[in-house]
Amino acid sequence: MRTFVGGQEAHGEAEFTELALGIDIDLFRGPLEFETDDERAAREDAARDVLADLVAMGEAGDEIAGWDALYADALTRTVPFLRAARGHRSGTGEAA
């Protein structure tokens, strides 16, 4: 079965969500792979700019942008499971 959003085929759940919502989840949540401090800083700067634009559009009356802003903001407070697990010290129950 194929899934299309706006004429584009979505290959997987993440791509479907990105196409449906119009936002890049990894931009706000962070990638599942390792990123350097510089890459993270650049991604977070871009995410702040996009979030500010979404908030402004929502306040101007774009209801979809307003909901996207809420979702994107919530994503900024999540930590991908794999990244969190890598920072966990084996057997101690404490984060590294």
PDB file of N, CA and C in Angstrom:
ATOM      1  N   MET A   1       0.840  -1.177   0.000  1.00  0.00           N
ATOM      2  CA  MET A   1       0.000   0.000   0.000  1.00  0.00           C
ATOM      3  C   MET A   1       0.884   1.239   0.000  1.00  0.00           C
ATOM      4  N   ARG A   2       0.514   2.218  -0.776  1.00  0.00           N
ATOM      5  CA  ARG A   2       1.265   3.469  -0.849  1.00  0.00           C
ATOM      6  C   ARG A   2       0.471   4.582  -0.182  1.00  0.00           C
ATOM      7  N   THR A   3       1.198   5.520   0.402  1.00  0.00           N
ATOM      8  CA  THR A   3       0.561   6.655   1.047  1.00  0.00           C
ATOM      9  C   THR A   3       1.062   7.933   0.394  1.00  0.00           C
ATOM     10  N   PHE A   4       0.125   8.785  -0.009  1.00  0.00           N
ATOM     11  CA  PHE A   4       0.473  10.047  -0.646  1.00  0.00           C
ATOM     12  C   PHE A   4      -0.098  11.199   0.161  1.00  0.00           C
ATOM     13  N   VAL A   5       0.694  12.255   0.288  1.00  0.00           N
ATOM     14  CA  VAL A   5       0.246  13.482   0.936  1.00  0.00           C
ATOM     15  C   VAL A   5       0.579  14.616  -0.013  1.00  0.00           C
ATOM     16  N   GLY A   6      -0.431  15.329  -0.458  1.00  0.00           N
ATOM     17  CA  GLY A   6      -0.207  16.444  -1.364  1.00  0.00           C
ATOM     18  C   GLY A   6       0.513  16.045  -2.644  1.00  0.00           C
ATOM     19  N   GLY A   7       0.239  14.849  -3.141  1.00  0.00           N
ATOM     20  CA  GLY A   7       0.852  14.402  -4.375  1.00  0.00           C
ATOM     21  C   GLY A   7       2.232  13.791  -4.220  1.00  0.00           C
ATOM     22  N   GLN A   8       2.776  13.767  -3.000  1.00  0.00           N
ATOM     23  CA  GLN A   8       4.089  13.169  -2.763  1.00  0.00           C
ATOM     24  C   GLN A   8       3.916  11.866  -1.995  1.00  0.00           C
ATOM     25  N   GLU A   9       4.679  10.856  -2.399  1.00  0.00           N
ATOM     26  CA  GLU A   9       4.610   9.576  -1.713  1.00  0.00           C
ATOM     27  C   GLU A   9       5.424   9.622  -0.429  1.00  0.00           C
ATOM     28  N   ALA A  10       4.813   9.171   0.656  1.00  0.00           N
ATOM     29  CA  ALA A  10       5.485   9.118   1.948  1.00  0.00           C
ATOM     30  C   ALA A  10       6.068   7.721   2.140  1.00  0.00           C
ATOM     31  N   HIS A  11       7.348   7.653   2.403  1.00  0.00           N
ATOM     32  CA  HIS A  11       8.030   6.379   2.645  1.00  0.00           C
ATOM     33  C   HIS A  11       8.320   6.268   4.133  1.00  0.00           C
ATOM     34  N   GLY A  12       7.362   5.809   4.884  1.00  0.00           N
ATOM     35  CA  GLY A  12       7.549   5.635   6.319  1.00  0.00           C
ATOM     36  C   GLY A  12       6.761   6.641   7.126  1.00  0.00           C
ATOM     37  N   GLU A  13       6.656   6.335   8.417  1.00  0.00           N
ATOM     38  CA  GLU A  13       5.881   7.157   9.329  1.00  0.00           C
ATOM     39  C   GLU A  13       6.414   8.574   9.478  1.00  0.00           C
ATOM     40  N   ALA A  14       7.730   8.704   9.622  1.00  0.00           N
ATOM     41  CA  ALA A  14       8.323  10.026   9.821  1.00  0.00           C
ATOM     42  C   ALA A  14       8.102  10.916   8.605  1.00  0.00           C
ATOM     43  N   GLU A  15       8.273  10.341   7.425  1.00  0.00           N
ATOM     44  CA  GLU A  15       8.072  11.141   6.211  1.00  0.00           C
ATOM     45  C   GLU A  15       6.598  11.511   6.047  1.00  0.00           C
ATOM     46  N   PHE A  16       5.690  10.596   6.393  1.00  0.00           N
ATOM     47  CA  PHE A  16       4.272  10.917   6.338  1.00  0.00           C
ATOM     48  C   PHE A  16       3.956  12.090   7.258  1.00  0.00           C
ATOM     49  N   THR A  17       4.463  12.031   8.476  1.00  0.00           N
ATOM     50  CA  THR A  17       4.214  13.101   9.440  1.00  0.00           C
ATOM     51  C   THR A  17       4.775  14.421   8.937  1.00  0.00           C
ATOM     52  N   GLU A  18       6.000  14.375   8.395  1.00  0.00           N
ATOM     53  CA  GLU A  18       6.611  15.597   7.873  1.00  0.00           C
ATOM     54  C   GLU A  18       5.785  16.191   6.736  1.00  0.00           C
ATOM     55  N   LEU A  19       5.327  15.350   5.822  1.00  0.00           N
ATOM     56  CA  LEU A  19       4.520  15.838   4.707  1.00  0.00           C
ATOM     57  C   LEU A  19       3.160  16.337   5.186  1.00  0.00           C
ATOM     58  N   ALA A  20       2.557  15.607   6.109  1.00  0.00           N
ATOM     59  CA  ALA A  20       1.225  15.972   6.585  1.00  0.00           C
ATOM     60  C   ALA A  20       1.246  17.258   7.405  1.00  0.00           C
ATOM     61  N   LEU A  21       2.241  17.395   8.269  1.00  0.00           N
ATOM     62  CA  LEU A  21       2.302  18.565   9.137  1.00  0.00           C
ATOM     63  C   LEU A  21       3.068  19.726   8.536  1.00  0.00           C
ATOM     64  N   GLY A  22       3.940  19.415   7.598  1.00  0.00           N
ATOM     65  CA  GLY A  22       4.730  20.485   6.985  1.00  0.00           C
ATOM     66  C   GLY A  22       5.934  20.891   7.813  1.00  0.00           C
ATOM     67  N   ILE A  23       6.327  20.072   8.789  1.00  0.00           N
ATOM     68  CA  ILE A  23       7.524  20.382   9.572  1.00  0.00           C
ATOM     69  C   ILE A  23       8.437  19.162   9.616  1.00  0.00           C
ATOM     70  N   ASP A  24       9.713  19.426   9.760  1.00  0.00           N
ATOM     71  CA  ASP A  24      10.726  18.373   9.838  1.00  0.00           C
ATOM     72  C   ASP A  24      10.925  18.000  11.303  1.00  0.00           C
ATOM     73  N   ILE A  25      10.526  16.805  11.673  1.00  0.00           N
ATOM     74  CA  ILE A  25      10.598  16.368  13.068  1.00  0.00           C
ATOM     75  C   ILE A  25      12.032  16.416  13.585  1.00  0.00           C
ATOM     76  N   ASP A  26      12.989  15.940  12.783  1.00  0.00           N
ATOM     77  CA  ASP A  26      14.383  15.925  13.222  1.00  0.00           C
ATOM     78  C   ASP A  26      14.919  17.321  13.509  1.00  0.00           C
ATOM     79  N   LEU A  27      14.387  18.333  12.830  1.00  0.00           N
ATOM     80  CA  LEU A  27      14.838  19.700  13.076  1.00  0.00           C
ATOM     81  C   LEU A  27      14.552  20.101  14.516  1.00  0.00           C
ATOM     82  N   PHE A  28      13.409  19.724  15.029  1.00  0.00           N
ATOM     83  CA  PHE A  28      13.012  20.123  16.381  1.00  0.00           C
ATOM     84  C   PHE A  28      13.406  19.113  17.448  1.00  0.00           C
ATOM     85  N   ARG A  29      13.330  17.838  17.138  1.00  0.00           N
ATOM     86  CA  ARG A  29      13.642  16.797  18.104  1.00  0.00           C
ATOM     87  C   ARG A  29      15.124  16.493  18.147  1.00  0.00           C
ATOM     88  N   GLY A  30      15.776  16.592  17.008  1.00  0.00           N
ATOM     89  CA  GLY A  30      17.162  16.184  16.876  1.00  0.00           C
ATOM     90  C   GLY A  30      17.231  14.853  16.172  1.00  0.00           C
ATOM     91  N   PRO A  31      18.321  14.600  15.478  1.00  0.00           N
ATOM     92  CA  PRO A  31      18.439  13.343  14.740  1.00  0.00           C
ATOM     93  C   PRO A  31      18.669  12.172  15.681  1.00  0.00           C
ATOM     94  N   LEU A  32      18.406  10.986  15.189  1.00  0.00           N
ATOM     95  CA  LEU A  32      18.661   9.789  15.971  1.00  0.00           C
ATOM     96  C   LEU A  32      20.141   9.429  15.955  1.00  0.00           C
ATOM     97  N   GLU A  33      20.875   9.941  14.971  1.00  0.00           N
ATOM     98  CA  GLU A  33      22.309   9.680  14.872  1.00  0.00           C
ATOM     99  C   GLU A  33      23.078  10.759  15.635  1.00  0.00           C
ATOM    100  N   PHE A  34      24.371  10.511  15.795  1.00  0.00           N
ATOM    101  CA  PHE A  34      25.245  11.467  16.470  1.00  0.00           C
ATOM    102  C   PHE A  34      25.306  12.771  15.683  1.00  0.00           C
ATOM    103  N   GLU A  35      25.322  13.886  16.385  1.00  0.00           N
ATOM    104  CA  GLU A  35      25.572  15.183  15.756  1.00  0.00           C
ATOM    105  C   GLU A  35      26.593  15.922  16.605  1.00  0.00           C
ATOM    106  N   THR A  36      27.462  16.666  15.944  1.00  0.00           N
ATOM    107  CA  THR A  36      28.483  17.417  16.659  1.00  0.00           C
ATOM    108  C   THR A  36      27.834  18.592  17.379  1.00  0.00           C
ATOM    109  N   ASP A  37      28.593  19.214  18.266  1.00  0.00           N
ATOM    110  CA  ASP A  37      28.077  20.389  18.974  1.00  0.00           C
ATOM    111  C   ASP A  37      27.731  21.504  17.996  1.00  0.00           C
ATOM    112  N   ASP A  38      28.577  21.698  16.965  1.00  0.00           N
ATOM    113  CA  ASP A  38      28.311  22.735  15.959  1.00  0.00           C
ATOM    114  C   ASP A  38      27.052  22.419  15.158  1.00  0.00           C
ATOM    115  N   GLU A  39      26.881  21.148  14.779  1.00  0.00           N
ATOM    116  CA  GLU A  39      25.678  20.750  14.043  1.00  0.00           C
ATOM    117  C   GLU A  39      24.427  20.953  14.896  1.00  0.00           C
ATOM    118  N   ARG A  40      24.530  20.588  16.169  1.00  0.00           N
ATOM    119  CA  ARG A  40      23.383  20.758  17.069  1.00  0.00           C
ATOM    120  C   ARG A  40      23.046  22.230  17.245  1.00  0.00           C
ATOM    121  N   ALA A  41      24.069  23.071  17.407  1.00  0.00           N
ATOM    122  CA  ALA A  41      23.828  24.503  17.573  1.00  0.00           C
ATOM    123  C   ALA A  41      23.165  25.096  16.329  1.00  0.00           C
ATOM    124  N   ALA A  42      23.632  24.701  15.149  1.00  0.00           N
ATOM    125  CA  ALA A  42      23.043  25.195  13.902  1.00  0.00           C
ATOM    126  C   ALA A  42      21.604  24.714  13.751  1.00  0.00           C
ATOM    127  N   ARG A  43      21.344  23.436  14.082  1.00  0.00           N
ATOM    128  CA  ARG A  43      19.992  22.891  13.989  1.00  0.00           C
ATOM    129  C   ARG A  43      19.052  23.601  14.955  1.00  0.00           C
ATOM    130  N   GLU A  44      19.524  23.822  16.184  1.00  0.00           N
ATOM    131  CA  GLU A  44      18.687  24.492  17.179  1.00  0.00           C
ATOM    132  C   GLU A  44      18.407  25.945  16.800  1.00  0.00           C
ATOM    133  N   ASP A  45      19.387  26.631  16.203  1.00  0.00           N
ATOM    134  CA  ASP A  45      19.157  28.000  15.722  1.00  0.00           C
ATOM    135  C   ASP A  45      18.083  28.014  14.638  1.00  0.00           C
ATOM    136  N   ALA A  46      18.196  27.079  13.692  1.00  0.00           N
ATOM    137  CA  ALA A  46      17.211  26.999  12.612  1.00  0.00           C
ATOM    138  C   ALA A  46      15.835  26.666  13.175  1.00  0.00           C
ATOM    139  N   ALA A  47      15.788  25.745  14.135  1.00  0.00           N
ATOM    140  CA  ALA A  47      14.507  25.359  14.738  1.00  0.00           C
ATOM    141  C   ALA A  47      13.864  26.547  15.452  1.00  0.00           C
ATOM    142  N   ARG A  48      14.665  27.335  16.162  1.00  0.00           N
ATOM    143  CA  ARG A  48      14.120  28.527  16.832  1.00  0.00           C
ATOM    144  C   ARG A  48      13.532  29.507  15.818  1.00  0.00           C
ATOM    145  N   ASP A  49      14.215  29.697  14.686  1.00  0.00           N
ATOM    146  CA  ASP A  49      13.722  30.608  13.655  1.00  0.00           C
ATOM    147  C   ASP A  49      12.405  30.102  13.060  1.00  0.00           C
ATOM    148  N   VAL A  50      12.354  28.807  12.735  1.00  0.00           N
ATOM    149  CA  VAL A  50      11.140  28.230  12.163  1.00  0.00           C
ATOM    150  C   VAL A  50      10.001  28.294  13.172  1.00  0.00           C
ATOM    151  N   LEU A  51      10.294  27.975  14.429  1.00  0.00           N
ATOM    152  CA  LEU A  51       9.264  28.019  15.467  1.00  0.00           C
ATOM    153  C   LEU A  51       8.725  29.437  15.641  1.00  0.00           C
ATOM    154  N   ALA A  52       9.612  30.427  15.630  1.00  0.00           N
ATOM    155  CA  ALA A  52       9.175  31.824  15.743  1.00  0.00           C
ATOM    156  C   ALA A  52       8.260  32.200  14.579  1.00  0.00           C
ATOM    157  N   ASP A  53       8.596  31.742  13.369  1.00  0.00           N
ATOM    158  CA  ASP A  53       7.748  32.010  12.204  1.00  0.00           C
ATOM    159  C   ASP A  53       6.385  31.347  12.355  1.00  0.00           C
ATOM    160  N   LEU A  54       6.378  30.088  12.822  1.00  0.00           N
ATOM    161  CA  LEU A  54       5.113  29.381  13.006  1.00  0.00           C
ATOM    162  C   LEU A  54       4.238  30.073  14.054  1.00  0.00           C
ATOM    163  N   VAL A  55       4.851  30.511  15.140  1.00  0.00           N
ATOM    164  CA  VAL A  55       4.106  31.208  16.192  1.00  0.00           C
ATOM    165  C   VAL A  55       3.512  32.502  15.635  1.00  0.00           C
ATOM    166  N   ALA A  56       4.322  33.253  14.885  1.00  0.00           N
ATOM    167  CA  ALA A  56       3.845  34.513  14.305  1.00  0.00           C
ATOM    168  C   ALA A  56       2.689  34.273  13.344  1.00  0.00           C
ATOM    169  N   MET A  57       2.805  33.243  12.518  1.00  0.00           N
ATOM    170  CA  MET A  57       1.719  32.933  11.580  1.00  0.00           C
ATOM    171  C   MET A  57       0.468  32.497  12.340  1.00  0.00           C
ATOM    172  N   GLY A  58       0.648  31.729  13.423  1.00  0.00           N
ATOM    173  CA  GLY A  58      -0.492  31.313  14.236  1.00  0.00           C
ATOM    174  C   GLY A  58      -1.180  32.504  14.880  1.00  0.00           C
ATOM    175  N   GLU A  59      -0.389  33.437  15.385  1.00  0.00           N
ATOM    176  CA  GLU A  59      -0.956  34.632  16.012  1.00  0.00           C
ATOM    177  C   GLU A  59      -1.645  35.527  14.990  1.00  0.00           C
ATOM    178  N   ALA A  60      -1.228  35.425  13.727  1.00  0.00           N
ATOM    179  CA  ALA A  60      -1.842  36.215  12.659  1.00  0.00           C
ATOM    180  C   ALA A  60      -3.118  35.565  12.127  1.00  0.00           C
ATOM    181  N   GLY A  61      -3.479  34.387  12.670  1.00  0.00           N
ATOM    182  CA  GLY A  61      -4.735  33.769  12.292  1.00  0.00           C
ATOM    183  C   GLY A  61      -4.623  32.450  11.549  1.00  0.00           C
ATOM    184  N   ASP A  62      -3.411  31.989  11.251  1.00  0.00           N
ATOM    185  CA  ASP A  62      -3.239  30.700  10.571  1.00  0.00           C
ATOM    186  C   ASP A  62      -3.314  29.594  11.611  1.00  0.00           C
ATOM    187  N   GLU A  63      -4.483  28.972  11.699  1.00  0.00           N
ATOM    188  CA  GLU A  63      -4.716  27.964  12.732  1.00  0.00           C
ATOM    189  C   GLU A  63      -3.784  26.761  12.585  1.00  0.00           C
ATOM    190  N   ILE A  64      -3.534  26.327  11.353  1.00  0.00           N
ATOM    191  CA  ILE A  64      -2.652  25.178  11.120  1.00  0.00           C
ATOM    192  C   ILE A  64      -1.239  25.497  11.603  1.00  0.00           C
ATOM    193  N   ALA A  65      -0.743  26.680  11.290  1.00  0.00           N
ATOM    194  CA  ALA A  65       0.591  27.079  11.752  1.00  0.00           C
ATOM    195  C   ALA A  65       0.637  27.132  13.275  1.00  0.00           C
ATOM    196  N   GLY A  66      -0.436  27.569  13.884  1.00  0.00           N
ATOM    197  CA  GLY A  66      -0.498  27.600  15.342  1.00  0.00           C
ATOM    198  C   GLY A  66      -0.382  26.218  15.947  1.00  0.00           C
ATOM    199  N   TRP A  67      -1.095  25.242  15.370  1.00  0.00           N
ATOM    200  CA  TRP A  67      -0.998  23.864  15.853  1.00  0.00           C
ATOM    201  C   TRP A  67       0.382  23.292  15.571  1.00  0.00           C
ATOM    202  N   ASP A  68       0.941  23.609  14.396  1.00  0.00           N
ATOM    203  CA  ASP A  68       2.299  23.158  14.075  1.00  0.00           C
ATOM    204  C   ASP A  68       3.302  23.720  15.071  1.00  0.00           C
ATOM    205  N   ALA A  69       3.104  24.970  15.477  1.00  0.00           N
ATOM    206  CA  ALA A  69       4.007  25.596  16.448  1.00  0.00           C
ATOM    207  C   ALA A  69       3.949  24.858  17.782  1.00  0.00           C
ATOM    208  N   LEU A  70       2.746  24.493  18.220  1.00  0.00           N
ATOM    209  CA  LEU A  70       2.608  23.748  19.477  1.00  0.00           C
ATOM    210  C   LEU A  70       3.303  22.395  19.397  1.00  0.00           C
ATOM    211  N   TYR A  71       3.117  21.707  18.271  1.00  0.00           N
ATOM    212  CA  TYR A  71       3.738  20.388  18.085  1.00  0.00           C
ATOM    213  C   TYR A  71       5.256  20.519  18.023  1.00  0.00           C
ATOM    214  N   ALA A  72       5.745  21.483  17.240  1.00  0.00           N
ATOM    215  CA  ALA A  72       7.192  21.685  17.112  1.00  0.00           C
ATOM    216  C   ALA A  72       7.804  22.043  18.461  1.00  0.00           C
ATOM    217  N   ASP A  73       7.135  22.891  19.227  1.00  0.00           N
ATOM    218  CA  ASP A  73       7.637  23.273  20.543  1.00  0.00           C
ATOM    219  C   ASP A  73       7.720  22.059  21.464  1.00  0.00           C
ATOM    220  N   ALA A  74       6.716  21.198  21.409  1.00  0.00           N
ATOM    221  CA  ALA A  74       6.742  19.984  22.230  1.00  0.00           C
ATOM    222  C   ALA A  74       7.889  19.069  21.810  1.00  0.00           C
ATOM    223  N   LEU A  75       8.171  18.996  20.519  1.00  0.00           N
ATOM    224  CA  LEU A  75       9.273  18.161  20.042  1.00  0.00           C
ATOM    225  C   LEU A  75      10.622  18.638  20.569  1.00  0.00           C
ATOM    226  N   THR A  76      10.765  19.936  20.795  1.00  0.00           N
ATOM    227  CA  THR A  76      12.046  20.455  21.281  1.00  0.00           C
ATOM    228  C   THR A  76      12.349  19.979  22.693  1.00  0.00           C
ATOM    229  N   ARG A  77      11.325  19.480  23.392  1.00  0.00           N
ATOM    230  CA  ARG A  77      11.524  18.998  24.766  1.00  0.00           C
ATOM    231  C   ARG A  77      11.647  17.492  24.849  1.00  0.00           C
ATOM    232  N   THR A  78      11.769  16.824  23.726  1.00  0.00           N
ATOM    233  CA  THR A  78      11.907  15.371  23.728  1.00  0.00           C
ATOM    234  C   THR A  78      13.353  14.988  23.459  1.00  0.00           C
ATOM    235  N   VAL A  79      13.708  13.803  23.874  1.00  0.00           N
ATOM    236  CA  VAL A  79      15.036  13.258  23.603  1.00  0.00           C
ATOM    237  C   VAL A  79      14.817  11.919  22.913  1.00  0.00           C
ATOM    238  N   PRO A  80      15.319  11.770  21.695  1.00  0.00           N
ATOM    239  CA  PRO A  80      15.144  10.474  21.035  1.00  0.00           C
ATOM    240  C   PRO A  80      15.670   9.340  21.906  1.00  0.00           C
ATOM    241  N   PHE A  81      14.942   8.255  21.946  1.00  0.00           N
ATOM    242  CA  PHE A  81      15.263   7.124  22.813  1.00  0.00           C
ATOM    243  C   PHE A  81      16.688   6.623  22.609  1.00  0.00           C
ATOM    244  N   LEU A  82      17.104   6.466  21.359  1.00  0.00           N
ATOM    245  CA  LEU A  82      18.440   5.928  21.101  1.00  0.00           C
ATOM    246  C   LEU A  82      19.525   6.856  21.632  1.00  0.00           C
ATOM    247  N   ARG A  83      19.348   8.164  21.478  1.00  0.00           N
ATOM    248  CA  ARG A  83      20.338   9.116  21.982  1.00  0.00           C
ATOM    249  C   ARG A  83      20.364   9.075  23.508  1.00  0.00           C
ATOM    250  N   ALA A  84      19.203   8.956  24.137  1.00  0.00           N
ATOM    251  CA  ALA A  84      19.142   8.884  25.595  1.00  0.00           C
ATOM    252  C   ALA A  84      19.797   7.598  26.092  1.00  0.00           C
ATOM    253  N   ALA A  85      19.576   6.503  25.385  1.00  0.00           N
ATOM    254  CA  ALA A  85      20.141   5.222  25.802  1.00  0.00           C
ATOM    255  C   ALA A  85      21.666   5.232  25.708  1.00  0.00           C
ATOM    256  N   ARG A  86      22.227   5.916  24.721  1.00  0.00           N
ATOM    257  CA  ARG A  86      23.686   5.993  24.594  1.00  0.00           C
ATOM    258  C   ARG A  86      24.306   6.748  25.763  1.00  0.00           C
ATOM    259  N   GLY A  87      23.563   7.695  26.335  1.00  0.00           N
ATOM    260  CA  GLY A  87      24.091   8.465  27.449  1.00  0.00           C
ATOM    261  C   GLY A  87      23.891   7.790  28.788  1.00  0.00           C
ATOM    262  N   HIS A  88      23.250   6.636  28.793  1.00  0.00           N
ATOM    263  CA  HIS A  88      22.959   5.918  30.028  1.00  0.00           C
ATOM    264  C   HIS A  88      24.104   4.957  30.332  1.00  0.00           C
ATOM    265  N   ARG A  89      24.649   5.038  31.539  1.00  0.00           N
ATOM    266  CA  ARG A  89      25.735   4.122  31.917  1.00  0.00           C
ATOM    267  C   ARG A  89      25.177   2.758  32.245  1.00  0.00           C
ATOM    268  N   SER A  90      25.711   1.770  31.630  1.00  0.00           N
ATOM    269  CA  SER A  90      25.233   0.400  31.778  1.00  0.00           C
ATOM    270  C   SER A  90      25.325  -0.061  33.232  1.00  0.00           C
ATOM    271  N   GLY A  91      24.192  -0.547  33.762  1.00  0.00           N
ATOM    272  CA  GLY A  91      24.160  -1.180  35.056  1.00  0.00           C
ATOM    273  C   GLY A  91      24.090  -0.251  36.261  1.00  0.00           C
ATOM    274  N   THR A  92      24.289   1.063  36.095  1.00  0.00           N
ATOM    275  CA  THR A  92      24.286   1.942  37.256  1.00  0.00           C
ATOM    276  C   THR A  92      22.959   2.626  37.460  1.00  0.00           C
ATOM    277  N   GLY A  93      22.136   2.668  36.402  1.00  0.00           N
ATOM    278  CA  GLY A  93      20.869   3.358  36.532  1.00  0.00           C
ATOM    279  C   GLY A  93      21.000   4.862  36.490  1.00  0.00           C
ATOM    280  N   GLU A  94      22.182   5.362  36.128  1.00  0.00           N
ATOM    281  CA  GLU A  94      22.427   6.795  36.073  1.00  0.00           C
ATOM    282  C   GLU A  94      22.792   7.207  34.659  1.00  0.00           C
ATOM    283  N   ALA A  95      22.458   8.456  34.338  1.00  0.00           N
ATOM    284  CA  ALA A  95      22.851   9.002  33.035  1.00  0.00           C
ATOM    285  C   ALA A  95      24.319   9.367  33.078  1.00  0.00           C
ATOM    286  N   ALA A  96      24.961   9.241  31.934  1.00  0.00           N
ATOM    287  CA  ALA A  96      26.391   9.571  31.844  1.00  0.00           C
ATOM    288  C   ALA A  96      26.594  11.058  31.784  1.00  0.00           C
TER     289      ALA A  96
END
